N, C-alpha and C. Protein backbone atom coordinates (compact mmCIF):
# COMPACT_ATOMS: atom_id res chain seq x y z
N MET A 1 0.82 -1.19 0.00
CA MET A 1 0.00 0.00 0.00
C MET A 1 0.86 1.26 0.00
N THR A 2 2.12 1.10 0.32
CA THR A 2 3.01 2.25 0.35
C THR A 2 3.06 2.94 -1.00
N LEU A 3 3.26 2.17 -2.05
CA LEU A 3 3.32 2.77 -3.39
C LEU A 3 1.97 3.34 -3.80
N ALA A 4 0.89 2.66 -3.46
CA ALA A 4 -0.45 3.14 -3.81
C ALA A 4 -0.76 4.46 -3.13
N TRP A 5 -0.35 4.60 -1.88
CA TRP A 5 -0.69 5.81 -1.12
C TRP A 5 0.26 6.97 -1.37
N TYR A 6 1.53 6.68 -1.58
CA TYR A 6 2.53 7.75 -1.65
C TYR A 6 3.21 7.89 -3.01
N GLY A 7 3.07 6.89 -3.87
CA GLY A 7 3.76 6.92 -5.16
C GLY A 7 3.35 8.09 -6.04
N HIS A 8 2.11 8.51 -5.93
CA HIS A 8 1.65 9.62 -6.77
C HIS A 8 2.38 10.91 -6.43
N LEU A 9 2.88 11.04 -5.21
CA LEU A 9 3.62 12.25 -4.83
C LEU A 9 4.95 12.33 -5.60
N LYS A 10 5.50 11.19 -5.93
CA LYS A 10 6.77 11.14 -6.66
C LYS A 10 6.55 11.14 -8.17
N PHE A 11 5.61 10.32 -8.63
CA PHE A 11 5.48 10.08 -10.06
C PHE A 11 4.41 10.93 -10.74
N LEU A 12 3.40 11.38 -10.01
CA LEU A 12 2.29 12.11 -10.62
C LEU A 12 2.02 13.45 -9.93
N HIS A 13 3.04 14.08 -9.40
CA HIS A 13 2.81 15.30 -8.62
C HIS A 13 2.19 16.43 -9.42
N GLY A 14 2.37 16.43 -10.73
CA GLY A 14 1.76 17.47 -11.55
C GLY A 14 0.49 17.03 -12.25
N ALA A 15 0.10 15.79 -12.05
CA ALA A 15 -1.08 15.24 -12.74
C ALA A 15 -2.36 15.66 -12.03
N PRO A 16 -3.48 15.63 -12.74
CA PRO A 16 -4.76 15.91 -12.09
C PRO A 16 -5.06 14.88 -10.99
N LEU A 17 -5.87 15.29 -10.05
CA LEU A 17 -6.20 14.43 -8.92
C LEU A 17 -6.81 13.10 -9.36
N TRP A 18 -7.66 13.11 -10.37
CA TRP A 18 -8.30 11.87 -10.80
C TRP A 18 -7.28 10.86 -11.29
N GLN A 19 -6.19 11.32 -11.91
CA GLN A 19 -5.15 10.40 -12.36
C GLN A 19 -4.39 9.82 -11.18
N ALA A 20 -4.14 10.63 -10.16
CA ALA A 20 -3.47 10.14 -8.96
C ALA A 20 -4.34 9.10 -8.26
N ILE A 21 -5.63 9.35 -8.22
CA ILE A 21 -6.56 8.39 -7.59
C ILE A 21 -6.58 7.10 -8.38
N LEU A 22 -6.67 7.18 -9.70
CA LEU A 22 -6.67 5.98 -10.54
C LEU A 22 -5.37 5.19 -10.37
N PHE A 23 -4.25 5.89 -10.34
CA PHE A 23 -2.95 5.25 -10.12
C PHE A 23 -2.95 4.50 -8.79
N GLY A 24 -3.41 5.15 -7.73
CA GLY A 24 -3.46 4.52 -6.42
C GLY A 24 -4.36 3.30 -6.39
N TRP A 25 -5.51 3.40 -7.03
CA TRP A 25 -6.45 2.28 -7.05
C TRP A 25 -5.90 1.09 -7.84
N LEU A 26 -5.24 1.35 -8.93
CA LEU A 26 -4.67 0.25 -9.72
C LEU A 26 -3.55 -0.46 -8.96
N ILE A 27 -2.70 0.30 -8.32
CA ILE A 27 -1.63 -0.31 -7.51
C ILE A 27 -2.24 -1.08 -6.34
N ALA A 28 -3.22 -0.49 -5.68
CA ALA A 28 -3.86 -1.15 -4.54
C ALA A 28 -4.54 -2.44 -4.97
N LEU A 29 -5.17 -2.46 -6.13
CA LEU A 29 -5.81 -3.68 -6.62
C LEU A 29 -4.78 -4.79 -6.79
N LEU A 30 -3.63 -4.46 -7.33
CA LEU A 30 -2.56 -5.45 -7.48
C LEU A 30 -2.09 -5.94 -6.11
N GLU A 31 -1.88 -5.02 -5.19
CA GLU A 31 -1.41 -5.41 -3.86
C GLU A 31 -2.45 -6.25 -3.11
N TYR A 32 -3.71 -5.89 -3.22
CA TYR A 32 -4.76 -6.66 -2.55
C TYR A 32 -4.91 -8.05 -3.15
N SER A 33 -4.60 -8.20 -4.43
CA SER A 33 -4.71 -9.52 -5.04
C SER A 33 -3.68 -10.49 -4.46
N PHE A 34 -2.64 -9.96 -3.83
CA PHE A 34 -1.68 -10.80 -3.09
C PHE A 34 -2.04 -10.90 -1.61
N MET A 35 -2.55 -9.82 -1.05
CA MET A 35 -2.82 -9.76 0.39
C MET A 35 -3.98 -10.66 0.80
N ILE A 36 -5.04 -10.68 0.04
CA ILE A 36 -6.21 -11.47 0.40
C ILE A 36 -5.87 -12.96 0.48
N PRO A 37 -5.23 -13.54 -0.55
CA PRO A 37 -4.86 -14.95 -0.42
C PRO A 37 -3.87 -15.20 0.73
N ALA A 38 -2.97 -14.26 0.97
CA ALA A 38 -2.00 -14.44 2.06
C ALA A 38 -2.69 -14.49 3.42
N THR A 39 -3.64 -13.59 3.66
CA THR A 39 -4.33 -13.61 4.95
C THR A 39 -5.20 -14.85 5.09
N ARG A 40 -5.78 -15.29 3.99
CA ARG A 40 -6.59 -16.50 4.04
C ARG A 40 -5.71 -17.71 4.38
N LEU A 41 -4.54 -17.78 3.77
CA LEU A 41 -3.61 -18.86 4.05
C LEU A 41 -3.15 -18.84 5.51
N LEU A 42 -2.82 -17.66 6.02
CA LEU A 42 -2.39 -17.55 7.41
C LEU A 42 -3.52 -17.93 8.37
N ALA A 43 -4.74 -17.55 8.04
CA ALA A 43 -5.88 -17.93 8.88
C ALA A 43 -6.05 -19.44 8.90
N GLN A 44 -5.85 -20.08 7.76
CA GLN A 44 -5.94 -21.54 7.69
C GLN A 44 -4.82 -22.21 8.48
N GLN A 45 -3.71 -21.51 8.63
CA GLN A 45 -2.58 -22.03 9.41
C GLN A 45 -2.76 -21.79 10.91
N GLY A 46 -3.84 -21.12 11.30
CA GLY A 46 -4.13 -20.91 12.71
C GLY A 46 -3.72 -19.56 13.27
N TRP A 47 -3.31 -18.63 12.43
CA TRP A 47 -2.95 -17.30 12.92
C TRP A 47 -4.22 -16.55 13.32
N ALA A 48 -4.16 -15.85 14.43
CA ALA A 48 -5.26 -14.99 14.86
C ALA A 48 -5.19 -13.67 14.07
N MET A 49 -6.31 -12.96 14.02
CA MET A 49 -6.33 -11.69 13.30
C MET A 49 -5.35 -10.69 13.89
N GLY A 50 -5.22 -10.68 15.21
CA GLY A 50 -4.27 -9.77 15.85
C GLY A 50 -2.84 -10.07 15.43
N GLN A 51 -2.51 -11.33 15.30
CA GLN A 51 -1.17 -11.72 14.86
C GLN A 51 -0.92 -11.27 13.43
N MET A 52 -1.93 -11.43 12.59
CA MET A 52 -1.77 -11.01 11.20
C MET A 52 -1.61 -9.50 11.10
N LYS A 53 -2.40 -8.75 11.87
CA LYS A 53 -2.35 -7.29 11.79
C LYS A 53 -1.03 -6.75 12.30
N ILE A 54 -0.55 -7.26 13.43
CA ILE A 54 0.72 -6.78 13.97
C ILE A 54 1.86 -7.10 13.00
N THR A 55 1.84 -8.31 12.43
CA THR A 55 2.85 -8.68 11.45
C THR A 55 2.79 -7.78 10.23
N GLN A 56 1.58 -7.44 9.80
CA GLN A 56 1.41 -6.53 8.66
C GLN A 56 2.04 -5.17 8.96
N GLU A 57 1.85 -4.67 10.16
CA GLU A 57 2.40 -3.36 10.51
C GLU A 57 3.92 -3.38 10.51
N VAL A 58 4.51 -4.48 10.97
CA VAL A 58 5.97 -4.59 10.95
C VAL A 58 6.48 -4.62 9.52
N VAL A 59 5.82 -5.40 8.68
CA VAL A 59 6.23 -5.45 7.27
C VAL A 59 6.06 -4.07 6.63
N THR A 60 4.99 -3.38 6.95
CA THR A 60 4.77 -2.04 6.41
C THR A 60 5.90 -1.11 6.79
N LEU A 61 6.33 -1.15 8.04
CA LEU A 61 7.43 -0.29 8.48
C LEU A 61 8.73 -0.69 7.79
N LEU A 62 8.96 -1.98 7.63
CA LEU A 62 10.18 -2.44 6.94
C LEU A 62 10.21 -2.01 5.48
N VAL A 63 9.04 -1.87 4.88
CA VAL A 63 8.97 -1.42 3.49
C VAL A 63 8.97 0.10 3.41
N PHE A 64 8.23 0.75 4.31
CA PHE A 64 8.05 2.20 4.20
C PHE A 64 9.32 2.99 4.47
N VAL A 65 10.08 2.61 5.48
CA VAL A 65 11.27 3.39 5.83
C VAL A 65 12.28 3.41 4.67
N PRO A 66 12.66 2.27 4.09
CA PRO A 66 13.56 2.37 2.93
C PRO A 66 12.93 3.10 1.74
N PHE A 67 11.63 2.91 1.52
CA PHE A 67 10.92 3.61 0.45
C PHE A 67 11.02 5.11 0.65
N MET A 68 10.79 5.56 1.85
CA MET A 68 10.84 6.98 2.17
C MET A 68 12.25 7.55 1.99
N ILE A 69 13.24 6.79 2.42
CA ILE A 69 14.62 7.25 2.34
C ILE A 69 15.11 7.25 0.90
N LEU A 70 14.85 6.17 0.16
CA LEU A 70 15.37 6.05 -1.20
C LEU A 70 14.57 6.84 -2.23
N MET A 71 13.25 6.78 -2.16
CA MET A 71 12.43 7.43 -3.18
C MET A 71 12.25 8.93 -2.93
N PHE A 72 12.12 9.30 -1.68
CA PHE A 72 11.81 10.69 -1.36
C PHE A 72 12.96 11.43 -0.71
N LYS A 73 14.10 10.75 -0.59
CA LYS A 73 15.32 11.37 -0.05
C LYS A 73 15.10 11.99 1.34
N GLN A 74 14.27 11.33 2.14
CA GLN A 74 14.04 11.78 3.51
C GLN A 74 15.19 11.30 4.39
N PRO A 75 15.58 12.09 5.38
CA PRO A 75 16.69 11.65 6.25
C PRO A 75 16.24 10.53 7.19
N PHE A 76 17.16 9.62 7.48
CA PHE A 76 16.89 8.56 8.44
C PHE A 76 16.94 9.15 9.84
N LYS A 77 16.00 8.76 10.68
CA LYS A 77 15.97 9.20 12.07
C LYS A 77 16.09 7.97 12.95
N LEU A 78 16.79 8.10 14.03
CA LEU A 78 16.94 7.01 14.97
C LEU A 78 15.59 6.58 15.53
N ASP A 79 14.63 7.49 15.55
CA ASP A 79 13.29 7.16 16.04
C ASP A 79 12.65 6.03 15.24
N TYR A 80 13.00 5.91 13.95
CA TYR A 80 12.46 4.82 13.15
C TYR A 80 12.94 3.48 13.67
N LEU A 81 14.19 3.43 14.10
CA LEU A 81 14.73 2.21 14.69
C LEU A 81 14.00 1.87 15.98
N TRP A 82 13.77 2.87 16.83
CA TRP A 82 13.07 2.64 18.10
C TRP A 82 11.63 2.17 17.83
N ALA A 83 10.99 2.77 16.85
CA ALA A 83 9.63 2.35 16.51
C ALA A 83 9.64 0.90 16.03
N GLY A 84 10.64 0.54 15.23
CA GLY A 84 10.74 -0.85 14.78
C GLY A 84 10.95 -1.81 15.93
N LEU A 85 11.75 -1.43 16.90
CA LEU A 85 11.97 -2.28 18.07
C LEU A 85 10.69 -2.43 18.88
N CYS A 86 9.93 -1.36 18.98
CA CYS A 86 8.64 -1.45 19.69
C CYS A 86 7.70 -2.43 18.97
N LEU A 87 7.69 -2.38 17.64
CA LEU A 87 6.85 -3.31 16.88
C LEU A 87 7.33 -4.75 17.04
N LEU A 88 8.63 -4.95 17.14
CA LEU A 88 9.12 -6.30 17.41
C LEU A 88 8.64 -6.78 18.77
N GLY A 89 8.58 -5.85 19.73
CA GLY A 89 8.00 -6.19 21.03
C GLY A 89 6.54 -6.57 20.90
N CYS A 90 5.82 -5.87 20.04
CA CYS A 90 4.41 -6.21 19.79
C CYS A 90 4.29 -7.63 19.26
N ILE A 91 5.16 -7.97 18.33
CA ILE A 91 5.12 -9.33 17.78
C ILE A 91 5.37 -10.35 18.88
N TYR A 92 6.35 -10.08 19.72
CA TYR A 92 6.63 -11.00 20.83
C TYR A 92 5.39 -11.23 21.67
N PHE A 93 4.74 -10.16 22.09
CA PHE A 93 3.58 -10.32 22.98
C PHE A 93 2.38 -10.96 22.29
N VAL A 94 2.21 -10.69 21.00
CA VAL A 94 1.07 -11.27 20.29
C VAL A 94 1.27 -12.78 20.06
N PHE A 95 2.51 -13.19 19.84
CA PHE A 95 2.77 -14.59 19.54
C PHE A 95 3.16 -15.43 20.76
N ARG A 96 3.46 -14.84 21.90
CA ARG A 96 3.98 -15.61 23.02
C ARG A 96 2.95 -16.53 23.66
N SER A 97 1.68 -16.26 23.49
CA SER A 97 0.65 -17.07 24.13
C SER A 97 0.36 -18.38 23.40
N GLN A 98 1.02 -18.62 22.29
CA GLN A 98 0.76 -19.85 21.52
C GLN A 98 1.41 -21.04 22.18
């Protein structure tokens, strides 16, 4: 969803809003076509919804931070590392009861 939500700022910044929306929807459709089967598979494997959501957030952060740094030339902040460590703590607590 990172590219769907933020890609238009890089690639379509001068385009009309309707084109940015269409770009986002097309990218999101592609991403959802992978996400829906993945969550269904994880549910069949016994993952709880909370486990799937927390894992999704960690993956999102792992994708978003490099995307932000490489595509948008944003500076790296140590706070991103601390946020990532907090999310790893979330994963620990969500999965420890199994």
